[in-house]
Amino acid sequence: MNLSVETILLYTIAAGFLAIIYGYFTGKQILSSSPGNAKMQEIASAIQVGAKAYLNRQY
């Protein structure tokens, strides 16, 4: 397959643009979803505390 530099550059820019669009819509969907019931929020809080403690210990 014989692709020119311009063609490769065009595909690269198009792929980056599509990735940005995908990230925008995926983020919008995640942020608009329900945070869950009280038990799920309690578990999420425990995970956040544990992750923060781990990172503080590492750095």
C-alpha atoms as a PDB file:
ATOM      1  CA  MET A   1       0.000   0.000   0.000  1.00  0.00           C
ATOM      2  CA  ASN A   2       1.484   3.295  -1.090  1.00  0.00           C
ATOM      3  CA  LEU A   3       0.195   6.157   1.085  1.00  0.00           C
ATOM      4  CA  SER A   4       1.541   9.648   0.801  1.00  0.00           C
ATOM      5  CA  VAL A   5       2.533  11.731   3.800  1.00  0.00           C
ATOM      6  CA  GLU A   6      -0.467  13.990   3.221  1.00  0.00           C
ATOM      7  CA  THR A   7      -2.870  11.032   3.314  1.00  0.00           C
ATOM      8  CA  ILE A   8      -1.361   9.698   6.533  1.00  0.00           C
ATOM      9  CA  LEU A   9      -1.549  13.176   8.082  1.00  0.00           C
ATOM     10  CA  LEU A  10      -5.198  13.501   7.053  1.00  0.00           C
ATOM     11  CA  TYR A  11      -6.062  10.111   8.593  1.00  0.00           C
ATOM     12  CA  THR A  12      -4.220  11.030  11.785  1.00  0.00           C
ATOM     13  CA  ILE A  13      -6.037  14.345  12.161  1.00  0.00           C
ATOM     14  CA  ALA A  14      -9.389  12.705  11.392  1.00  0.00           C
ATOM     15  CA  ALA A  15      -8.769   9.977  13.980  1.00  0.00           C
ATOM     16  CA  GLY A  16      -7.861  12.585  16.599  1.00  0.00           C
ATOM     17  CA  PHE A  17     -10.973  14.612  15.822  1.00  0.00           C
ATOM     18  CA  LEU A  18     -13.181  11.519  16.081  1.00  0.00           C
ATOM     19  CA  ALA A  19     -11.546  10.611  19.410  1.00  0.00           C
ATOM     20  CA  ILE A  20     -12.310  14.071  20.799  1.00  0.00           C
ATOM     21  CA  ILE A  21     -15.946  13.825  19.690  1.00  0.00           C
ATOM     22  CA  TYR A  22     -16.253  10.345  21.205  1.00  0.00           C
ATOM     23  CA  GLY A  23     -14.724  11.536  24.477  1.00  0.00           C
ATOM     24  CA  TYR A  24     -17.088  14.502  24.650  1.00  0.00           C
ATOM     25  CA  PHE A  25     -20.235  12.442  24.178  1.00  0.00           C
ATOM     26  CA  THR A  26     -19.057   9.631  26.453  1.00  0.00           C
ATOM     27  CA  GLY A  27     -18.184  12.113  29.210  1.00  0.00           C
ATOM     28  CA  LYS A  28     -21.528  13.851  28.821  1.00  0.00           C
ATOM     29  CA  GLN A  29     -23.344  10.523  29.144  1.00  0.00           C
ATOM     30  CA  ILE A  30     -21.351   9.476  32.226  1.00  0.00           C
ATOM     31  CA  LEU A  31     -21.814  12.807  34.004  1.00  0.00           C
ATOM     32  CA  SER A  32     -25.572  12.797  33.365  1.00  0.00           C
ATOM     33  CA  SER A  33     -26.078   9.285  34.766  1.00  0.00           C
ATOM     34  CA  SER A  34     -27.485   8.636  38.227  1.00  0.00           C
ATOM     35  CA  PRO A  35     -24.977   8.483  41.107  1.00  0.00           C
ATOM     36  CA  GLY A  36     -26.773   5.403  42.433  1.00  0.00           C
ATOM     37  CA  ASN A  37     -28.440   4.565  45.709  1.00  0.00           C
ATOM     38  CA  ALA A  38     -27.026   5.288  49.171  1.00  0.00           C
ATOM     39  CA  LYS A  39     -25.133   1.983  49.394  1.00  0.00           C
ATOM     40  CA  MET A  40     -23.461   2.568  46.007  1.00  0.00           C
ATOM     41  CA  GLN A  41     -22.442   6.079  47.059  1.00  0.00           C
ATOM     42  CA  GLU A  42     -21.021   4.717  50.320  1.00  0.00           C
ATOM     43  CA  ILE A  43     -18.930   2.167  48.408  1.00  0.00           C
ATOM     44  CA  ALA A  44     -17.747   4.838  45.964  1.00  0.00           C
ATOM     45  CA  SER A  45     -16.709   7.063  48.859  1.00  0.00           C
ATOM     46  CA  ALA A  46     -14.730   4.226  50.458  1.00  0.00           C
ATOM     47  CA  ILE A  47     -12.961   3.580  47.141  1.00  0.00           C
ATOM     48  CA  GLN A  48     -12.073   7.274  46.811  1.00  0.00           C
ATOM     49  CA  VAL A  49     -10.663   7.395  50.339  1.00  0.00           C
ATOM     50  CA  GLY A  50      -8.618   4.244  49.739  1.00  0.00           C
ATOM     51  CA  ALA A  51      -7.308   5.475  46.399  1.00  0.00           C
ATOM     52  CA  LYS A  52      -6.312   8.827  47.885  1.00  0.00           C
ATOM     53  CA  ALA A  53      -4.506   7.102  50.770  1.00  0.00           C
ATOM     54  CA  TYR A  54      -2.670   4.842  48.320  1.00  0.00           C
ATOM     55  CA  LEU A  55      -1.557   7.753  46.144  1.00  0.00           C
ATOM     56  CA  ASN A  56      -0.444   9.782  49.163  1.00  0.00           C
ATOM     57  CA  ARG A  57       1.670   6.865  50.314  1.00  0.00           C
ATOM     58  CA  GLN A  58       3.208   6.384  46.851  1.00  0.00           C
ATOM     59  CA  TYR A  59       4.133  10.040  46.354  1.00  0.00           C
END
